């Protein structure tokens, strides 16, 4: 069988192949495609069929092999399965995340099964990029490629918690190899592997994942030899200004970071219909400014360790000014939240970046820190993630459905995203760690444990939902019955749930 210029080799053991001539199955109808507003019919070429004789009450083991390589008849299916099972078991064992003792309770067995499923799901996103000689992370199945933003958000849950530190180093090398004018590629073209730079946040997210990598490994030598100079390059270019691919990144006179245009979507809320930005976020964006502050403090810390005093002092000076201006301009006392973009008071989850990073721009246990966390909890937190927009805000859409235009109009306008639970979790932990009052800290710990248990109980069931057995979808409707949508298996959904439930 040949598709274009790439033959597909098919083999069924114990089967007789019968070739068909000029056989076409016409008008195959795809119901899901029809629901999604795409052309639902196509004609299918039928090159042939396999006939297999099975007697009444006979048990027969059959193997179907499809490959781009021509050795399908030589594939030993039992060996393939055995080796893959052993490989996955080795990965699971090396994480040391399972509860191990002579006699497990029913609850402990359930916990282990969920964790194993998530570790296996996490592994499914790891791919090899032969052209680069390194590995990468697919954003989701069935239609996403490897994206810088998604990879860096999923980095801790997929690679660090699971103790796959060699892979973590490779991933950092993959997404720093093609930095241009301070921009980490947000992905690579599926046609020619050309780096794509449609992101203002991927470069800043890199700093936080370097912090996470160092927290787990203390491998400062790797960072110094391979990453440090690139972090300096990012800070330098963001400070000077970047207009590659219309990112329009620059520092305003007040010291806040600006980016984007009316038609440029370079944050994670990036839905566009033609040149129409569904969720326009050009200007002074809350998470970009929080991540910019975190990046400055990260480089300040590394420069101190590596003996570069001028870099350390410069970063400290800029960060001190930025922190003061950030709180003055972004806090909206009327709504008890942060502006999503200066001038846009809609309540969204992006404000959590201000209290969730290694170096939070707002003190997490401060009155403002706790206030915005409470607002997010009350307005955005659901069973399966955070709403992207609070109910009652203009433009709120609670369900992800319909054709491509209708879906894009709802993508970041109220539907629930699972990965935001990780942002919420990190914010919660930072508040607890930063709290000085003993009784308040104990109260917060009790509330945090409830949060973790709720996430565990919800996804213990959800991991077996028919939309994606053994994995977690990209997003959910924000109202009952909380129908999953988007990709049926999303890297940052799996990573953040795994990160949270392993706190139990």
Protein backbone atom coordinates (compact mmCIF):
# COMPACT_ATOMS: atom_id res chain seq x y z
CA UNK A 1 0.00 0.00 0.00
CA UNK A 2 1.40 3.43 -0.95
CA UNK A 3 0.32 6.90 0.18
CA UNK A 4 1.93 9.51 -2.07
CA UNK A 5 5.62 8.64 -2.16
CA UNK A 6 5.69 6.86 1.21
CA UNK A 7 4.77 3.17 1.15
CA UNK A 8 3.02 1.63 4.16
CA UNK A 9 3.87 -2.01 4.77
CA UNK A 10 1.16 -4.18 6.29
CA UNK A 11 1.31 -7.76 7.49
CA UNK A 12 -1.01 -10.11 9.36
CA UNK A 13 0.40 -13.38 10.58
CA UNK A 14 -1.66 -16.46 9.73
CA UNK A 15 -3.59 -14.48 7.12
CA UNK A 16 -3.91 -14.61 3.35
CA UNK A 17 -3.70 -11.30 1.53
CA UNK A 18 -6.08 -10.77 -1.36
CA UNK A 19 -5.36 -7.75 -3.55
CA UNK A 20 -8.20 -5.55 -4.77
CA UNK A 21 -8.18 -3.76 -8.12
CA UNK A 22 -9.72 -0.29 -8.52
CA UNK A 23 -11.68 -0.64 -5.28
CA UNK A 24 -12.92 2.55 -3.65
CA UNK A 25 -15.25 2.94 -0.69
CA UNK A 26 -17.11 6.16 -1.44
CA UNK A 27 -18.64 8.74 0.87
CA UNK A 28 -17.25 7.51 4.17
CA UNK A 29 -19.00 9.67 6.78
CA UNK A 30 -17.11 10.85 9.88
CA UNK A 31 -19.65 11.95 12.49
CA UNK A 32 -17.13 13.76 14.71
CA UNK A 33 -15.76 15.72 11.77
CA UNK A 34 -19.30 16.76 10.92
CA UNK A 35 -19.86 17.91 14.51
CA UNK A 36 -16.64 19.94 14.36
CA UNK A 37 -17.68 21.72 11.16
CA UNK A 38 -15.19 20.03 8.86
CA UNK A 39 -15.96 18.27 5.54
CA UNK A 40 -17.26 14.94 6.90
CA UNK A 41 -17.03 12.70 3.83
CA UNK A 42 -14.19 11.21 1.83
CA UNK A 43 -13.48 8.32 -0.50
CA UNK A 44 -11.19 5.56 0.69
CA UNK A 45 -8.96 3.39 -1.47
CA UNK A 46 -9.21 -0.31 -0.57
CA UNK A 47 -5.94 -1.93 -1.73
CA UNK A 48 -6.86 -5.38 -0.43
CA UNK A 49 -7.93 -7.52 2.47
CA UNK A 50 -6.62 -10.29 4.71
CA UNK A 51 -8.62 -13.47 5.12
CA UNK A 52 -8.07 -15.52 8.27
CA UNK A 53 -9.60 -18.93 8.92
CA UNK A 54 -10.84 -19.46 12.47
CA UNK A 55 -12.69 -22.61 13.40
CA UNK A 56 -15.63 -22.64 15.80
CA UNK A 57 -14.47 -22.30 19.44
CA UNK A 58 -10.87 -21.98 18.27
CA UNK A 59 -8.49 -19.55 20.01
CA UNK A 60 -5.97 -17.96 17.70
CA UNK A 61 -3.35 -15.29 18.33
CA UNK A 62 -3.15 -12.75 15.54
CA UNK A 63 -0.74 -9.88 14.98
CA UNK A 64 -1.39 -6.94 12.69
CA UNK A 65 1.72 -4.94 11.77
CA UNK A 66 1.72 -1.62 9.92
CA UNK A 67 5.02 0.14 9.34
CA UNK A 68 7.00 2.51 7.16
CA UNK A 69 9.74 -0.13 7.15
CA UNK A 70 9.57 -3.17 4.90
CA UNK A 71 10.43 -5.87 7.45
CA UNK A 72 6.90 -6.37 8.76
CA UNK A 73 7.01 -10.15 8.26
CA UNK A 74 10.05 -10.38 10.53
CA UNK A 75 8.47 -8.59 13.48
CA UNK A 76 8.17 -10.80 16.57
CA UNK A 77 5.10 -9.32 18.21
CA UNK A 78 5.54 -11.16 21.50
CA UNK A 79 9.07 -9.82 21.79
CA UNK A 80 7.95 -6.28 20.94
CA UNK A 81 5.22 -6.38 23.59
CA UNK A 82 7.48 -7.92 26.20
CA UNK A 83 10.25 -5.37 25.66
CA UNK A 84 7.83 -2.44 25.75
CA UNK A 85 6.20 -3.66 28.96
CA UNK A 86 9.65 -4.07 30.53
CA UNK A 87 10.71 -0.59 29.37
CA UNK A 88 7.61 1.00 30.90
CA UNK A 89 8.00 -0.96 34.13
CA UNK A 90 11.60 0.24 34.40
CA UNK A 91 10.46 3.87 33.97
CA UNK A 92 7.76 3.39 36.62
CA UNK A 93 10.18 1.76 39.08
CA UNK A 94 12.80 4.47 38.64
CA UNK A 95 10.33 7.23 39.54
CA UNK A 96 9.93 5.79 43.06
CA UNK A 97 6.46 7.33 43.11
CA UNK A 98 4.54 4.18 43.96
CA UNK A 99 3.65 3.15 47.48
CA UNK A 100 5.69 0.05 48.27
CA UNK A 101 5.08 -2.22 51.25
CA UNK A 102 4.24 -5.85 51.99
CA UNK A 103 0.47 -5.32 52.12
CA UNK A 104 -1.22 -2.43 50.38
CA UNK A 105 -4.65 -1.12 51.28
CA UNK A 106 -7.34 -0.84 48.62
CA UNK A 107 -6.81 2.92 48.51
CA UNK A 108 -3.04 2.50 48.09
CA UNK A 109 -3.56 0.05 45.23
CA UNK A 110 -5.91 2.53 43.53
CA UNK A 111 -3.34 5.27 44.02
CA UNK A 112 -0.60 3.14 42.46
CA UNK A 113 -2.76 2.29 39.45
CA UNK A 114 -3.54 5.94 38.79
CA UNK A 115 0.09 6.99 39.16
CA UNK A 116 1.23 4.17 36.85
CA UNK A 117 -1.31 5.22 34.23
CA UNK A 118 -0.13 8.82 34.39
CA UNK A 119 3.56 7.85 34.19
CA UNK A 120 2.84 5.76 31.09
CA UNK A 121 0.80 8.61 29.62
CA UNK A 122 3.66 11.02 30.39
CA UNK A 123 6.08 8.79 28.53
CA UNK A 124 3.88 8.79 25.43
CA UNK A 125 4.63 12.47 24.81
CA UNK A 126 8.41 11.93 24.67
CA UNK A 127 9.57 11.79 21.05
CA UNK A 128 12.91 11.62 19.29
CA UNK A 129 13.98 14.41 16.93
CA UNK A 130 16.65 12.68 14.81
CA UNK A 131 17.53 15.90 12.97
CA UNK A 132 18.48 17.54 16.27
CA UNK A 133 19.96 14.45 17.93
CA UNK A 134 17.78 15.11 20.98
CA UNK A 135 14.36 14.29 22.36
CA UNK A 136 11.35 16.58 22.50
CA UNK A 137 7.82 16.66 23.92
CA UNK A 138 4.63 16.47 21.89
CA UNK A 139 1.98 18.89 23.15
CA UNK A 140 -0.91 16.49 22.61
CA UNK A 141 -2.57 13.79 20.55
CA UNK A 142 -3.84 13.53 17.90
CA UNK A 143 -2.91 16.81 16.19
CA UNK A 144 -0.27 18.83 18.10
CA UNK A 145 3.48 18.88 17.47
CA UNK A 146 6.19 19.82 19.98
CA UNK A 147 5.73 23.36 21.24
CA UNK A 148 8.10 25.36 23.41
CA UNK A 149 5.44 26.83 25.70
CA UNK A 150 3.66 23.53 26.31
CA UNK A 151 6.91 21.65 26.79
CA UNK A 152 8.18 24.07 29.41
CA UNK A 153 4.91 24.10 31.34
CA UNK A 154 4.81 20.29 31.30
CA UNK A 155 8.55 19.98 32.03
CA UNK A 156 8.43 19.35 35.78
CA UNK A 157 5.53 16.90 35.77
CA UNK A 158 6.70 14.83 32.81
CA UNK A 159 10.44 14.75 33.44
CA UNK A 160 11.50 15.95 36.88
CA UNK A 161 8.95 14.33 39.16
CA UNK A 162 9.50 11.11 37.22
CA UNK A 163 13.29 11.49 37.68
CA UNK A 164 14.06 11.42 33.96
CA UNK A 165 16.85 13.93 34.36
CA UNK A 166 18.84 12.88 31.27
CA UNK A 167 15.77 13.55 29.15
CA UNK A 168 15.21 16.84 30.96
CA UNK A 169 18.67 18.01 29.95
CA UNK A 170 18.00 17.00 26.34
CA UNK A 171 14.72 18.90 26.29
CA UNK A 172 16.42 22.03 27.60
CA UNK A 173 19.02 21.69 24.85
CA UNK A 174 16.31 21.14 22.22
CA UNK A 175 14.48 24.34 23.04
CA UNK A 176 17.56 26.51 23.51
CA UNK A 177 19.40 25.45 20.32
CA UNK A 178 17.54 27.92 18.07
CA UNK A 179 17.05 30.97 20.29
CA UNK A 180 16.86 34.01 18.02
CA UNK A 181 16.90 37.60 19.26
CA UNK A 182 16.18 36.21 22.73
CA UNK A 183 13.13 34.19 21.65
CA UNK A 184 12.82 30.49 22.39
CA UNK A 185 11.02 28.80 19.48
CA UNK A 186 7.39 28.12 20.26
CA UNK A 187 7.65 25.16 17.92
CA UNK A 188 8.96 23.87 14.62
CA UNK A 189 7.21 23.73 11.28
CA UNK A 190 5.73 20.35 10.48
CA UNK A 191 6.81 20.85 6.87
CA UNK A 192 10.45 21.95 6.98
CA UNK A 193 11.45 21.99 10.69
CA UNK A 194 11.80 25.78 10.54
CA UNK A 195 11.69 27.31 14.07
CA UNK A 196 8.59 29.38 14.80
CA UNK A 197 8.80 32.39 17.11
CA UNK A 198 5.14 33.24 17.79
CA UNK A 199 5.52 33.41 21.56
CA UNK A 200 6.53 36.04 24.09
CA UNK A 201 6.26 33.69 27.08
CA UNK A 202 8.30 30.61 26.08
CA UNK A 203 11.61 32.38 26.71
CA UNK A 204 10.46 33.54 30.14
CA UNK A 205 9.03 30.13 31.05
CA UNK A 206 12.50 28.70 30.39
CA UNK A 207 13.87 30.52 33.46
CA UNK A 208 11.33 28.88 35.77
CA UNK A 209 12.06 25.42 34.42
CA UNK A 210 15.78 26.00 34.92
CA UNK A 211 14.92 26.81 38.55
CA UNK A 212 12.89 23.60 38.79
CA UNK A 213 15.67 21.56 37.18
CA UNK A 214 18.18 22.92 39.69
CA UNK A 215 15.82 22.25 42.61
CA UNK A 216 15.67 18.58 41.64
CA UNK A 217 19.26 17.99 40.48
CA UNK A 218 21.54 20.76 41.84
CA UNK A 219 23.28 20.40 38.47
CA UNK A 220 24.68 23.91 38.23
CA UNK A 221 27.52 22.75 35.97
CA UNK A 222 25.10 21.78 33.21
CA UNK A 223 23.28 25.10 33.48
CA UNK A 224 26.53 27.09 33.52
CA UNK A 225 27.99 25.25 30.53
CA UNK A 226 24.86 25.04 28.36
CA UNK A 227 22.09 27.41 29.45
CA UNK A 228 23.43 30.38 31.40
CA UNK A 229 24.71 32.43 28.45
CA UNK A 230 21.41 31.93 26.67
CA UNK A 231 19.51 33.21 29.68
CA UNK A 232 21.68 36.33 29.62
CA UNK A 233 20.94 36.72 25.92
CA UNK A 234 17.18 36.55 26.57
CA UNK A 235 17.30 39.25 29.25
CA UNK A 236 19.46 41.48 27.05
CA UNK A 237 17.14 41.17 24.04
CA UNK A 238 13.93 41.66 26.01
CA UNK A 239 15.50 44.77 27.54
CA UNK A 240 16.46 46.16 24.11
CA UNK A 241 13.19 45.19 22.43
CA UNK A 242 12.21 42.43 19.98
CA UNK A 243 9.98 42.73 16.93
CA UNK A 244 10.66 39.36 15.32
CA UNK A 245 7.43 37.94 13.84
CA UNK A 246 5.48 40.97 15.13
CA UNK A 247 6.05 40.03 18.77
CA UNK A 248 6.59 43.75 19.50
CA UNK A 249 8.26 43.14 22.86
CA UNK A 250 9.68 46.14 24.69
CA UNK A 251 10.04 47.72 28.12
CA UNK A 252 7.76 50.73 28.66
CA UNK A 253 8.93 53.89 30.40
CA UNK A 254 7.36 52.72 33.66
CA UNK A 255 9.46 49.53 33.55
CA UNK A 256 6.65 47.10 32.66
CA UNK A 257 7.00 44.64 29.81
CA UNK A 258 4.78 45.16 26.75
CA UNK A 259 4.16 42.80 23.84
CA UNK A 260 1.97 42.03 20.87
CA UNK A 261 -0.26 43.97 18.52
CA UNK A 262 -4.00 43.98 17.92
CA UNK A 263 -3.59 41.04 15.53
CA UNK A 264 -0.64 39.25 17.20
CA UNK A 265 -1.41 36.48 19.66
CA UNK A 266 1.81 35.57 21.48
CA UNK A 267 0.58 34.34 24.86
CA UNK A 268 -1.01 30.96 25.58
CA UNK A 269 -4.48 32.45 25.00
CA UNK A 270 -3.74 32.56 21.29
CA UNK A 271 -6.98 31.78 19.41
CA UNK A 272 -7.35 33.71 16.16
CA UNK A 273 -9.92 33.69 13.36
CA UNK A 274 -8.11 35.17 10.40
CA UNK A 275 -6.66 38.42 11.76
CA UNK A 276 -9.26 38.63 14.53
CA UNK A 277 -7.82 37.97 17.98
CA UNK A 278 -10.52 36.21 20.02
CA UNK A 279 -8.85 37.07 23.32
CA UNK A 280 -6.79 40.21 22.57
CA UNK A 281 -3.93 40.48 25.06
CA UNK A 282 -1.53 42.97 23.53
CA UNK A 283 0.06 45.47 25.90
CA UNK A 284 1.11 44.94 29.51
CA UNK A 285 0.14 41.31 30.14
CA UNK A 286 0.02 40.04 33.70
CA UNK A 287 1.81 36.69 33.33
CA UNK A 288 4.50 38.10 31.03
CA UNK A 289 5.35 40.74 33.62
CA UNK A 290 5.30 38.19 36.45
CA UNK A 291 7.55 35.87 34.44
CA UNK A 292 9.83 38.77 33.51
CA UNK A 293 10.36 39.54 37.18
CA UNK A 294 11.01 35.85 37.91
CA UNK A 295 13.51 35.73 35.02
CA UNK A 296 15.39 38.76 36.36
CA UNK A 297 15.64 37.28 39.85
CA UNK A 298 16.69 33.90 38.42
CA UNK A 299 19.52 35.45 36.44
CA UNK A 300 20.48 37.59 39.42
CA UNK A 301 20.81 34.44 41.54
CA UNK A 302 22.79 32.53 38.89
CA UNK A 303 25.06 35.49 38.21
CA UNK A 304 25.83 35.69 41.93
CA UNK A 305 26.70 31.99 42.01
CA UNK A 306 28.81 32.23 38.86
CA UNK A 307 30.64 35.37 39.98
CA UNK A 308 29.29 37.93 37.48
CA UNK A 309 28.64 40.88 39.76
CA UNK A 310 27.71 43.38 37.06
CA UNK A 311 25.00 41.05 35.69
CA UNK A 312 23.78 40.36 39.23
CA UNK A 313 23.56 44.06 40.13
CA UNK A 314 21.86 45.02 36.87
CA UNK A 315 19.18 42.35 37.26
CA UNK A 316 18.58 43.33 40.88
CA UNK A 317 18.16 46.98 39.97
CA UNK A 318 15.64 46.28 37.20
CA UNK A 319 13.74 43.71 39.30
CA UNK A 320 13.41 46.03 42.30
CA UNK A 321 11.84 48.75 40.16
CA UNK A 322 9.63 46.27 38.31
CA UNK A 323 8.21 44.73 41.49
CA UNK A 324 7.12 48.11 42.86
CA UNK A 325 5.46 49.21 39.62
CA UNK A 326 3.80 45.82 39.09
CA UNK A 327 1.86 45.90 42.34
CA UNK A 328 0.90 49.54 41.88
CA UNK A 329 -0.47 49.07 38.38
CA UNK A 330 -1.81 45.51 38.25
CA UNK A 331 -3.83 45.24 41.46
CA UNK A 332 -7.53 45.99 40.95
CA UNK A 333 -8.95 46.65 44.40
CA UNK A 334 -12.52 46.85 43.10
CA UNK A 335 -12.45 43.28 41.76
CA UNK A 336 -9.93 41.95 44.30
CA UNK A 337 -7.82 40.58 41.48
CA UNK A 338 -5.07 41.57 39.07
CA UNK A 339 -5.72 43.11 35.68
CA UNK A 340 -5.24 40.43 33.03
CA UNK A 341 -3.81 43.14 30.80
CA UNK A 342 -3.53 46.73 32.02
CA UNK A 343 -6.89 48.17 31.03
CA UNK A 344 -8.67 44.78 31.01
CA UNK A 345 -10.21 43.91 34.38
CA UNK A 346 -11.74 40.56 33.38
CA UNK A 347 -11.02 37.86 35.97
CA UNK A 348 -8.77 35.22 34.44
CA UNK A 349 -6.36 32.63 35.88
CA UNK A 350 -3.19 34.21 34.45
CA UNK A 351 -2.81 36.38 37.55
CA UNK A 352 -1.65 33.29 39.46
CA UNK A 353 1.73 33.58 37.73
CA UNK A 354 2.36 36.48 40.12
CA UNK A 355 2.45 34.18 43.17
CA UNK A 356 3.33 30.75 41.74
CA UNK A 357 6.93 31.06 40.52
CA UNK A 358 10.24 30.55 42.31
CA UNK A 359 10.56 34.32 42.66
CA UNK A 360 6.98 35.62 42.88
CA UNK A 361 6.51 39.27 42.02
CA UNK A 362 3.81 39.51 44.72
CA UNK A 363 4.56 38.12 48.17
CA UNK A 364 2.29 35.02 48.26
CA UNK A 365 1.21 35.32 51.90
CA UNK A 366 0.60 39.06 51.66
CA UNK A 367 -2.91 40.46 51.78
CA UNK A 368 -2.90 40.99 48.01
CA UNK A 369 -1.45 37.54 47.36
CA UNK A 370 -4.10 35.81 49.43
CA UNK A 371 -6.84 38.02 48.04
CA UNK A 372 -6.19 37.20 44.40
CA UNK A 373 -5.85 33.51 45.27
CA UNK A 374 -9.24 33.63 47.00
CA UNK A 375 -10.79 35.36 44.00
CA UNK A 376 -9.44 32.68 41.64
CA UNK A 377 -10.67 29.95 44.00
CA UNK A 378 -14.16 31.38 44.19
CA UNK A 379 -14.54 32.43 40.57
CA UNK A 380 -12.48 30.00 38.51
CA UNK A 381 -11.70 26.72 40.30
CA UNK A 382 -13.72 23.67 39.16
CA UNK A 383 -13.41 19.89 39.50
CA UNK A 384 -11.18 19.51 36.44
CA UNK A 385 -9.25 22.75 36.24
CA UNK A 386 -9.66 26.52 36.18
CA UNK A 387 -12.08 28.47 34.04
CA UNK A 388 -10.30 30.74 31.59
CA UNK A 389 -12.80 33.49 32.31
CA UNK A 390 -15.11 34.05 35.26
CA UNK A 391 -18.85 33.58 34.87
CA UNK A 392 -20.58 36.90 34.43
CA UNK A 393 -17.71 38.49 32.53
CA UNK A 394 -18.45 39.80 29.04
CA UNK A 395 -17.80 37.12 26.42
CA UNK A 396 -18.05 34.16 28.82
CA UNK A 397 -18.69 30.82 27.08
CA UNK A 398 -18.96 27.70 29.22
CA UNK A 399 -19.01 24.95 26.59
CA UNK A 400 -16.51 23.96 23.92
CA UNK A 401 -18.57 22.78 20.97
CA UNK A 402 -19.64 23.44 17.39
CA UNK A 403 -17.63 24.26 14.29
CA UNK A 404 -14.08 25.64 14.30
CA UNK A 405 -15.19 29.28 14.60
CA UNK A 406 -17.52 28.57 17.52
CA UNK A 407 -14.84 26.50 19.25
CA UNK A 408 -12.21 29.20 18.80
CA UNK A 409 -14.63 31.76 20.21
CA UNK A 410 -14.89 29.68 23.40
CA UNK A 411 -11.32 28.32 23.63
CA UNK A 412 -10.12 30.76 26.30
CA UNK A 413 -13.42 32.39 27.13
CA UNK A 414 -14.61 30.33 30.08
CA UNK A 415 -13.97 26.67 29.30
CA UNK A 416 -11.82 24.80 31.80
CA UNK A 417 -8.16 23.96 31.20
CA UNK A 418 -6.60 21.18 33.27
CA UNK A 419 -3.02 22.47 33.20
CA UNK A 420 -4.04 25.54 35.18
CA UNK A 421 -4.41 23.26 38.21
CA UNK A 422 -0.61 23.18 38.30
CA UNK A 423 -0.50 26.96 38.47
CA UNK A 424 -3.09 26.89 41.26
CA UNK A 425 -1.16 24.16 43.10
CA UNK A 426 2.13 26.07 42.95
CA UNK A 427 0.42 29.23 44.16
CA UNK A 428 -1.16 27.37 47.06
CA UNK A 429 2.17 25.84 48.06
CA UNK A 430 3.95 29.20 47.88
CA UNK A 431 1.34 30.78 50.14
CA UNK A 432 1.81 27.99 52.68
CA UNK A 433 5.61 28.13 52.51
CA UNK A 434 5.58 31.92 52.85
CA UNK A 435 3.12 31.99 55.78
CA UNK A 436 4.76 32.89 59.11
CA UNK A 437 1.79 32.44 61.45
CA UNK A 438 1.82 28.84 62.73
CA UNK A 439 -1.93 28.42 63.16
CA UNK A 440 -2.68 29.94 59.77
CA UNK A 441 -0.09 27.68 58.15
CA UNK A 442 -1.73 24.63 59.75
CA UNK A 443 -5.14 25.75 58.49
CA UNK A 444 -3.77 26.24 54.99
CA UNK A 445 -2.14 22.80 55.03
CA UNK A 446 -5.49 21.20 55.86
CA UNK A 447 -7.14 23.08 52.98
CA UNK A 448 -4.32 22.13 50.62
CA UNK A 449 -4.69 18.45 51.51
CA UNK A 450 -8.40 18.68 50.69
CA UNK A 451 -7.56 20.23 47.33
CA UNK A 452 -5.10 17.45 46.47
CA UNK A 453 -7.55 14.72 47.52
CA UNK A 454 -10.29 16.27 45.42
CA UNK A 455 -8.07 16.30 42.34
CA UNK A 456 -7.06 12.72 43.03
CA UNK A 457 -10.67 11.53 43.39
CA UNK A 458 -11.80 13.37 40.27
CA UNK A 459 -9.07 12.05 37.99
CA UNK A 460 -9.10 8.56 39.50
CA UNK A 461 -12.38 8.20 37.63
CA UNK A 462 -11.58 10.47 34.71
CA UNK A 463 -8.48 8.47 33.71
CA UNK A 464 -10.85 5.76 32.43
CA UNK A 465 -13.25 8.02 30.51
CA UNK A 466 -13.97 6.86 26.95
CA UNK A 467 -12.56 10.04 25.35
CA UNK A 468 -9.04 8.95 26.26
CA UNK A 469 -8.52 5.86 28.40
CA UNK A 470 -5.33 6.10 30.44
CA UNK A 471 -4.76 9.79 29.78
CA UNK A 472 -6.29 13.26 30.26
CA UNK A 473 -7.91 15.61 27.77
CA UNK A 474 -6.88 19.15 26.96
CA UNK A 475 -9.92 20.91 28.39
CA UNK A 476 -13.43 20.53 29.82
CA UNK A 477 -16.72 22.35 29.70
CA UNK A 478 -17.06 24.54 32.77
CA UNK A 479 -20.53 23.29 33.64
CA UNK A 480 -22.10 19.89 34.27
CA UNK A 481 -21.60 17.28 32.94
CA UNK A 482 -18.08 18.74 32.40
CA UNK A 483 -17.60 17.16 28.99
CA UNK A 484 -13.92 16.82 27.93
CA UNK A 485 -12.79 18.43 24.69
CA UNK A 486 -9.83 19.44 22.57
CA UNK A 487 -7.08 16.86 22.24
CA UNK A 488 -7.96 13.61 23.96
CA UNK A 489 -4.45 13.37 25.42
CA UNK A 490 -2.61 16.56 26.44
CA UNK A 491 0.92 16.69 27.83
CA UNK A 492 0.47 19.55 30.27
CA UNK A 493 -2.82 18.10 31.55
CA UNK A 494 -1.11 14.82 32.41
CA UNK A 495 1.96 16.54 33.85
CA UNK A 496 0.08 18.83 36.22
CA UNK A 497 -2.29 16.17 37.56
CA UNK A 498 0.66 13.83 38.16
CA UNK A 499 2.50 16.66 39.93
CA UNK A 500 -0.43 17.28 42.23
CA UNK A 501 -1.58 13.78 43.18
CA UNK A 502 1.93 12.62 44.06
CA UNK A 503 1.72 15.05 46.99
CA UNK A 504 -0.57 12.54 48.74
